[in-house]
Amino acid sequence: MFSMFNINYQSGEPIYQQIYNEVVKEISLGILCPHEKLAAVRELASTLGINPNTVSKAYQLLEQNGYIYSSVGKGSFVSDNSGMLAGLKENSVKRIRKEIRTACNLGISYDEVVNIADDIYNGGGKS
């Protein structure tokens, strides 16, 4: 199932995207394990107080991107995608390094970069 993740209803980010991001985060952190059953669409929608179509949209996107798979009559499950996640993490690190080099070349200070990272890791800086 899901550990309870945070949905920011005042955020400009669509709720289905927040659900998608939280599931991907929980998979990449190992909180959700391969072949673990996810909450049913209606169950998660009820828990979050949102429309089931919103959860369904997030699940569809997760399935399209290989994070989960569905089994008719059984539900949705976490894919065994450790190789995919490792590749995504590696690509992300490469992009971060490139952007930090660019920031450095543009005169953005180390402290500014650290403050941005800190803000993002503490829930701010959604853009």
N, C-alpha and C. Protein backbone atom coordinates (compact mmCIF):
# COMPACT_ATOMS: atom_id res chain seq x y z
N MET A 1 0.84 -1.19 0.00
CA MET A 1 0.00 0.00 0.00
C MET A 1 0.88 1.25 0.00
N PHE A 2 0.28 2.36 0.29
CA PHE A 2 0.99 3.63 0.30
C PHE A 2 1.30 4.06 1.71
N SER A 3 2.49 4.61 1.88
CA SER A 3 2.68 5.39 3.08
C SER A 3 1.97 6.70 2.76
N MET A 4 1.56 7.42 3.74
CA MET A 4 0.78 8.62 3.44
C MET A 4 1.72 9.70 2.93
N PHE A 5 1.46 10.16 1.74
CA PHE A 5 2.28 11.23 1.19
C PHE A 5 1.49 12.52 1.18
N ASN A 6 2.20 13.61 0.95
CA ASN A 6 1.60 14.93 1.03
C ASN A 6 1.09 15.39 -0.32
N ILE A 7 -0.14 15.84 -0.32
CA ILE A 7 -0.74 16.48 -1.49
C ILE A 7 -1.01 17.92 -1.09
N ASN A 8 -0.51 18.84 -1.89
CA ASN A 8 -0.71 20.26 -1.62
C ASN A 8 -1.85 20.75 -2.51
N TYR A 9 -3.00 20.92 -1.91
CA TYR A 9 -4.20 21.31 -2.67
C TYR A 9 -4.15 22.76 -3.13
N GLN A 10 -3.27 23.55 -2.54
CA GLN A 10 -3.13 24.95 -2.95
C GLN A 10 -2.05 25.13 -4.00
N SER A 11 -1.32 24.09 -4.29
CA SER A 11 -0.24 24.16 -5.27
C SER A 11 -0.82 24.37 -6.66
N GLY A 12 -0.05 24.98 -7.51
CA GLY A 12 -0.46 25.13 -8.90
C GLY A 12 -0.27 23.84 -9.68
N GLU A 13 0.40 22.84 -9.07
CA GLU A 13 0.66 21.57 -9.73
C GLU A 13 -0.59 20.69 -9.64
N PRO A 14 -1.01 20.10 -10.77
CA PRO A 14 -2.20 19.24 -10.74
C PRO A 14 -2.04 18.10 -9.73
N ILE A 15 -3.14 17.72 -9.11
CA ILE A 15 -3.11 16.68 -8.08
C ILE A 15 -2.64 15.35 -8.66
N TYR A 16 -3.08 15.02 -9.89
CA TYR A 16 -2.64 13.75 -10.48
C TYR A 16 -1.12 13.73 -10.63
N GLN A 17 -0.51 14.88 -10.94
CA GLN A 17 0.94 14.96 -11.10
C GLN A 17 1.63 14.82 -9.75
N GLN A 18 1.02 15.39 -8.69
CA GLN A 18 1.58 15.23 -7.35
C GLN A 18 1.54 13.77 -6.91
N ILE A 19 0.44 13.07 -7.22
CA ILE A 19 0.34 11.65 -6.89
C ILE A 19 1.42 10.89 -7.66
N TYR A 20 1.54 11.16 -8.94
CA TYR A 20 2.56 10.53 -9.78
C TYR A 20 3.94 10.73 -9.17
N ASN A 21 4.27 11.98 -8.85
CA ASN A 21 5.59 12.30 -8.30
C ASN A 21 5.84 11.59 -6.97
N GLU A 22 4.83 11.54 -6.12
CA GLU A 22 4.99 10.89 -4.82
C GLU A 22 5.19 9.39 -4.97
N VAL A 23 4.46 8.75 -5.90
CA VAL A 23 4.63 7.31 -6.10
C VAL A 23 6.03 7.04 -6.65
N VAL A 24 6.46 7.82 -7.64
CA VAL A 24 7.81 7.64 -8.19
C VAL A 24 8.85 7.81 -7.09
N LYS A 25 8.67 8.81 -6.24
CA LYS A 25 9.60 9.05 -5.14
C LYS A 25 9.64 7.85 -4.18
N GLU A 26 8.45 7.33 -3.82
CA GLU A 26 8.40 6.20 -2.90
C GLU A 26 9.00 4.94 -3.52
N ILE A 27 8.84 4.77 -4.83
CA ILE A 27 9.46 3.63 -5.50
C ILE A 27 10.97 3.79 -5.49
N SER A 28 11.45 4.98 -5.84
CA SER A 28 12.90 5.19 -5.93
C SER A 28 13.58 5.12 -4.57
N LEU A 29 12.86 5.43 -3.50
CA LEU A 29 13.42 5.34 -2.15
C LEU A 29 13.28 3.95 -1.54
N GLY A 30 12.60 3.05 -2.27
CA GLY A 30 12.42 1.69 -1.77
C GLY A 30 11.29 1.56 -0.77
N ILE A 31 10.48 2.60 -0.62
CA ILE A 31 9.33 2.52 0.29
C ILE A 31 8.28 1.60 -0.33
N LEU A 32 8.09 1.74 -1.63
CA LEU A 32 7.24 0.82 -2.38
C LEU A 32 8.16 -0.14 -3.12
N CYS A 33 7.96 -1.42 -2.92
CA CYS A 33 8.84 -2.45 -3.47
C CYS A 33 8.25 -3.10 -4.71
N PRO A 34 9.12 -3.71 -5.55
CA PRO A 34 8.62 -4.41 -6.73
C PRO A 34 7.52 -5.41 -6.39
N HIS A 35 6.48 -5.38 -7.19
CA HIS A 35 5.32 -6.27 -7.11
C HIS A 35 4.42 -5.99 -5.91
N GLU A 36 4.69 -4.90 -5.19
CA GLU A 36 3.81 -4.53 -4.09
C GLU A 36 2.53 -3.95 -4.65
N LYS A 37 1.41 -4.35 -4.05
CA LYS A 37 0.10 -3.88 -4.51
C LYS A 37 -0.12 -2.45 -4.04
N LEU A 38 -0.60 -1.62 -4.96
CA LEU A 38 -0.94 -0.25 -4.64
C LEU A 38 -2.37 -0.17 -4.14
N ALA A 39 -2.68 0.90 -3.48
CA ALA A 39 -4.06 1.13 -3.05
C ALA A 39 -4.96 1.17 -4.28
N ALA A 40 -6.17 0.65 -4.12
CA ALA A 40 -7.14 0.73 -5.20
C ALA A 40 -7.45 2.19 -5.49
N VAL A 41 -7.82 2.47 -6.72
CA VAL A 41 -8.11 3.85 -7.14
C VAL A 41 -9.13 4.49 -6.21
N ARG A 42 -10.25 3.81 -5.98
CA ARG A 42 -11.30 4.39 -5.12
C ARG A 42 -10.83 4.56 -3.68
N GLU A 43 -10.05 3.62 -3.20
CA GLU A 43 -9.54 3.69 -1.83
C GLU A 43 -8.63 4.91 -1.66
N LEU A 44 -7.69 5.09 -2.59
CA LEU A 44 -6.77 6.23 -2.49
C LEU A 44 -7.52 7.54 -2.66
N ALA A 45 -8.46 7.56 -3.60
CA ALA A 45 -9.26 8.78 -3.82
C ALA A 45 -10.02 9.14 -2.55
N SER A 46 -10.60 8.16 -1.90
CA SER A 46 -11.34 8.39 -0.66
C SER A 46 -10.42 8.90 0.44
N THR A 47 -9.26 8.28 0.56
CA THR A 47 -8.28 8.69 1.58
C THR A 47 -7.84 10.14 1.38
N LEU A 48 -7.62 10.50 0.11
CA LEU A 48 -7.15 11.86 -0.20
C LEU A 48 -8.28 12.87 -0.36
N GLY A 49 -9.51 12.38 -0.41
CA GLY A 49 -10.67 13.27 -0.58
C GLY A 49 -10.73 13.89 -1.96
N ILE A 50 -10.41 13.08 -2.98
CA ILE A 50 -10.40 13.59 -4.35
C ILE A 50 -11.21 12.67 -5.26
N ASN A 51 -11.41 13.10 -6.48
CA ASN A 51 -12.15 12.33 -7.47
C ASN A 51 -11.34 11.11 -7.91
N PRO A 52 -11.97 9.93 -8.00
CA PRO A 52 -11.26 8.74 -8.46
C PRO A 52 -10.61 8.91 -9.84
N ASN A 53 -11.20 9.75 -10.70
CA ASN A 53 -10.61 9.97 -12.02
C ASN A 53 -9.22 10.58 -11.92
N THR A 54 -8.98 11.38 -10.88
CA THR A 54 -7.67 12.00 -10.68
C THR A 54 -6.63 10.93 -10.36
N VAL A 55 -6.98 10.00 -9.48
CA VAL A 55 -6.07 8.90 -9.14
C VAL A 55 -5.87 8.01 -10.36
N SER A 56 -6.94 7.74 -11.07
CA SER A 56 -6.86 6.90 -12.27
C SER A 56 -5.91 7.51 -13.29
N LYS A 57 -5.97 8.82 -13.46
CA LYS A 57 -5.07 9.50 -14.40
C LYS A 57 -3.61 9.34 -13.98
N ALA A 58 -3.35 9.46 -12.68
CA ALA A 58 -1.98 9.29 -12.16
C ALA A 58 -1.51 7.86 -12.39
N TYR A 59 -2.37 6.88 -12.10
CA TYR A 59 -2.01 5.47 -12.29
C TYR A 59 -1.75 5.17 -13.76
N GLN A 60 -2.57 5.73 -14.64
CA GLN A 60 -2.37 5.51 -16.08
C GLN A 60 -1.00 6.04 -16.52
N LEU A 61 -0.65 7.22 -16.04
CA LEU A 61 0.64 7.82 -16.38
C LEU A 61 1.80 6.98 -15.80
N LEU A 62 1.62 6.51 -14.58
CA LEU A 62 2.64 5.66 -13.96
C LEU A 62 2.82 4.37 -14.77
N GLU A 63 1.72 3.81 -15.24
CA GLU A 63 1.81 2.58 -16.03
C GLU A 63 2.45 2.86 -17.39
N GLN A 64 2.06 3.95 -18.03
CA GLN A 64 2.66 4.32 -19.33
C GLN A 64 4.17 4.47 -19.22
N ASN A 65 4.63 4.97 -18.08
CA ASN A 65 6.06 5.21 -17.90
C ASN A 65 6.80 4.06 -17.25
N GLY A 66 6.11 2.93 -17.06
CA GLY A 66 6.76 1.71 -16.60
C GLY A 66 6.97 1.58 -15.10
N TYR A 67 6.37 2.45 -14.31
CA TYR A 67 6.56 2.37 -12.86
C TYR A 67 5.64 1.34 -12.22
N ILE A 68 4.47 1.14 -12.81
CA ILE A 68 3.53 0.17 -12.27
C ILE A 68 2.95 -0.66 -13.40
N TYR A 69 2.31 -1.76 -13.04
CA TYR A 69 1.57 -2.56 -14.01
C TYR A 69 0.24 -2.94 -13.39
N SER A 70 -0.73 -3.20 -14.23
CA SER A 70 -2.06 -3.56 -13.76
C SER A 70 -2.37 -5.00 -14.11
N SER A 71 -3.11 -5.64 -13.25
CA SER A 71 -3.59 -6.99 -13.48
C SER A 71 -5.11 -6.96 -13.33
N VAL A 72 -5.82 -7.31 -14.41
CA VAL A 72 -7.27 -7.22 -14.42
C VAL A 72 -7.85 -8.00 -13.23
N GLY A 73 -8.69 -7.32 -12.47
CA GLY A 73 -9.35 -7.94 -11.32
C GLY A 73 -8.49 -8.04 -10.07
N LYS A 74 -7.21 -7.71 -10.19
CA LYS A 74 -6.32 -7.81 -9.02
C LYS A 74 -5.82 -6.46 -8.54
N GLY A 75 -5.66 -5.51 -9.47
CA GLY A 75 -5.21 -4.19 -9.07
C GLY A 75 -3.93 -3.77 -9.76
N SER A 76 -3.30 -2.75 -9.18
CA SER A 76 -2.06 -2.19 -9.72
C SER A 76 -0.91 -2.53 -8.78
N PHE A 77 0.25 -2.80 -9.40
CA PHE A 77 1.42 -3.24 -8.65
C PHE A 77 2.65 -2.47 -9.12
N VAL A 78 3.63 -2.36 -8.22
CA VAL A 78 4.90 -1.71 -8.55
C VAL A 78 5.69 -2.61 -9.49
N SER A 79 6.18 -2.04 -10.57
CA SER A 79 7.01 -2.79 -11.52
C SER A 79 8.38 -3.06 -10.93
N ASP A 80 9.01 -4.10 -11.41
CA ASP A 80 10.39 -4.38 -11.03
C ASP A 80 11.27 -3.60 -12.00
N ASN A 81 11.52 -2.36 -11.66
CA ASN A 81 12.19 -1.44 -12.58
C ASN A 81 13.48 -0.87 -12.02
N SER A 82 14.20 -1.67 -11.26
CA SER A 82 15.42 -1.16 -10.63
C SER A 82 16.43 -0.67 -11.65
N GLY A 83 16.53 -1.34 -12.79
CA GLY A 83 17.46 -0.90 -13.84
C GLY A 83 17.04 0.44 -14.41
N MET A 84 15.73 0.60 -14.64
CA MET A 84 15.22 1.86 -15.17
C MET A 84 15.49 3.00 -14.18
N LEU A 85 15.24 2.75 -12.90
CA LEU A 85 15.45 3.79 -11.89
C LEU A 85 16.92 4.17 -11.78
N ALA A 86 17.80 3.19 -11.84
CA ALA A 86 19.24 3.49 -11.78
C ALA A 86 19.64 4.37 -12.95
N GLY A 87 19.12 4.08 -14.14
CA GLY A 87 19.41 4.90 -15.31
C GLY A 87 18.86 6.31 -15.17
N LEU A 88 17.64 6.43 -14.65
CA LEU A 88 17.05 7.75 -14.45
C LEU A 88 17.85 8.57 -13.44
N LYS A 89 18.28 7.93 -12.37
CA LYS A 89 19.08 8.62 -11.36
C LYS A 89 20.41 9.08 -11.93
N GLU A 90 21.05 8.22 -12.70
CA GLU A 90 22.33 8.57 -13.32
C GLU A 90 22.16 9.75 -14.28
N ASN A 91 21.12 9.72 -15.10
CA ASN A 91 20.87 10.84 -16.01
C ASN A 91 20.56 12.12 -15.26
N SER A 92 19.83 11.99 -14.16
CA SER A 92 19.51 13.17 -13.36
C SER A 92 20.77 13.79 -12.78
N VAL A 93 21.67 12.97 -12.27
CA VAL A 93 22.94 13.48 -11.72
C VAL A 93 23.74 14.19 -12.80
N LYS A 94 23.77 13.61 -14.00
CA LYS A 94 24.49 14.25 -15.10
C LYS A 94 23.89 15.62 -15.43
N ARG A 95 22.56 15.70 -15.46
CA ARG A 95 21.89 16.99 -15.75
C ARG A 95 22.16 18.01 -14.65
N ILE A 96 22.13 17.55 -13.41
CA ILE A 96 22.41 18.45 -12.28
C ILE A 96 23.82 19.00 -12.39
N ARG A 97 24.78 18.12 -12.66
CA ARG A 97 26.18 18.56 -12.80
C ARG A 97 26.31 19.60 -13.91
N LYS A 98 25.68 19.35 -15.04
CA LYS A 98 25.74 20.27 -16.17
C LYS A 98 25.13 21.63 -15.78
N GLU A 99 23.99 21.61 -15.12
CA GLU A 99 23.33 22.87 -14.74
C GLU A 99 24.13 23.62 -13.69
N ILE A 100 24.76 22.90 -12.76
CA ILE A 100 25.59 23.58 -11.76
C ILE A 100 26.81 24.21 -12.41
N ARG A 101 27.41 23.52 -13.40
CA ARG A 101 28.53 24.13 -14.15
C ARG A 101 28.07 25.41 -14.84
N THR A 102 26.90 25.35 -15.47
CA THR A 102 26.35 26.54 -16.14
C THR A 102 26.13 27.65 -15.13
N ALA A 103 25.53 27.32 -13.99
CA ALA A 103 25.28 28.32 -12.96
C ALA A 103 26.58 28.95 -12.48
N CYS A 104 27.60 28.12 -12.28
CA CYS A 104 28.91 28.61 -11.85
C CYS A 104 29.48 29.57 -12.89
N ASN A 105 29.40 29.19 -14.17
CA ASN A 105 29.91 30.04 -15.25
C ASN A 105 29.15 31.35 -15.37
N LEU A 106 27.90 31.36 -14.91
CA LEU A 106 27.09 32.58 -14.95
C LEU A 106 27.25 33.43 -13.69
N GLY A 107 28.09 32.97 -12.78
CA GLY A 107 28.36 33.75 -11.58
C GLY A 107 27.40 33.49 -10.43
N ILE A 108 26.59 32.45 -10.53
CA ILE A 108 25.70 32.11 -9.42
C ILE A 108 26.56 31.46 -8.34
N SER A 109 26.45 31.98 -7.13
CA SER A 109 27.34 31.53 -6.05
C SER A 109 26.98 30.14 -5.55
N TYR A 110 27.97 29.53 -4.90
CA TYR A 110 27.79 28.23 -4.26
C TYR A 110 26.63 28.29 -3.28
N ASP A 111 26.60 29.36 -2.46
CA ASP A 111 25.54 29.50 -1.45
C ASP A 111 24.16 29.58 -2.11
N GLU A 112 24.05 30.27 -3.25
CA GLU A 112 22.77 30.34 -3.95
C GLU A 112 22.33 28.95 -4.42
N VAL A 113 23.27 28.18 -4.96
CA VAL A 113 22.95 26.83 -5.44
C VAL A 113 22.52 25.96 -4.27
N VAL A 114 23.24 26.04 -3.16
CA VAL A 114 22.89 25.25 -1.98
C VAL A 114 21.52 25.67 -1.44
N ASN A 115 21.24 26.97 -1.43
CA ASN A 115 19.94 27.45 -0.96
C ASN A 115 18.81 26.94 -1.84
N ILE A 116 19.03 26.90 -3.14
CA ILE A 116 18.02 26.37 -4.07
C ILE A 116 17.77 24.89 -3.79
N ALA A 117 18.86 24.13 -3.66
CA ALA A 117 18.73 22.69 -3.37
C ALA A 117 18.02 22.48 -2.04
N ASP A 118 18.39 23.25 -1.03
CA ASP A 118 17.78 23.14 0.28
C ASP A 118 16.29 23.45 0.20
N ASP A 119 15.94 24.49 -0.53
CA ASP A 119 14.54 24.87 -0.69
C ASP A 119 13.74 23.75 -1.35
N ILE A 120 14.30 23.15 -2.39
CA ILE A 120 13.61 22.07 -3.10
C ILE A 120 13.45 20.85 -2.19
N TYR A 121 14.50 20.47 -1.49
CA TYR A 121 14.42 19.30 -0.63
C TYR A 121 13.51 19.52 0.57
N ASN A 122 13.23 20.76 0.89
CA ASN A 122 12.34 21.06 2.02
C ASN A 122 10.95 21.47 1.57
N GLY A 123 10.60 21.14 0.32
CA GLY A 123 9.23 21.32 -0.15
C GLY A 123 8.93 22.60 -0.88
N GLY A 124 9.88 23.48 -1.00
CA GLY A 124 9.64 24.71 -1.73
C GLY A 124 10.16 24.59 -3.15
N GLY A 125 10.21 25.67 -3.86
CA GLY A 125 10.83 25.70 -5.18
C GLY A 125 10.26 24.73 -6.16
N LYS A 126 8.95 24.73 -6.36
CA LYS A 126 8.30 23.78 -7.27
C LYS A 126 8.59 24.05 -8.73
N SER A 127 9.11 25.21 -9.07
CA SER A 127 9.36 25.48 -10.49
C SER A 127 10.75 25.13 -10.90
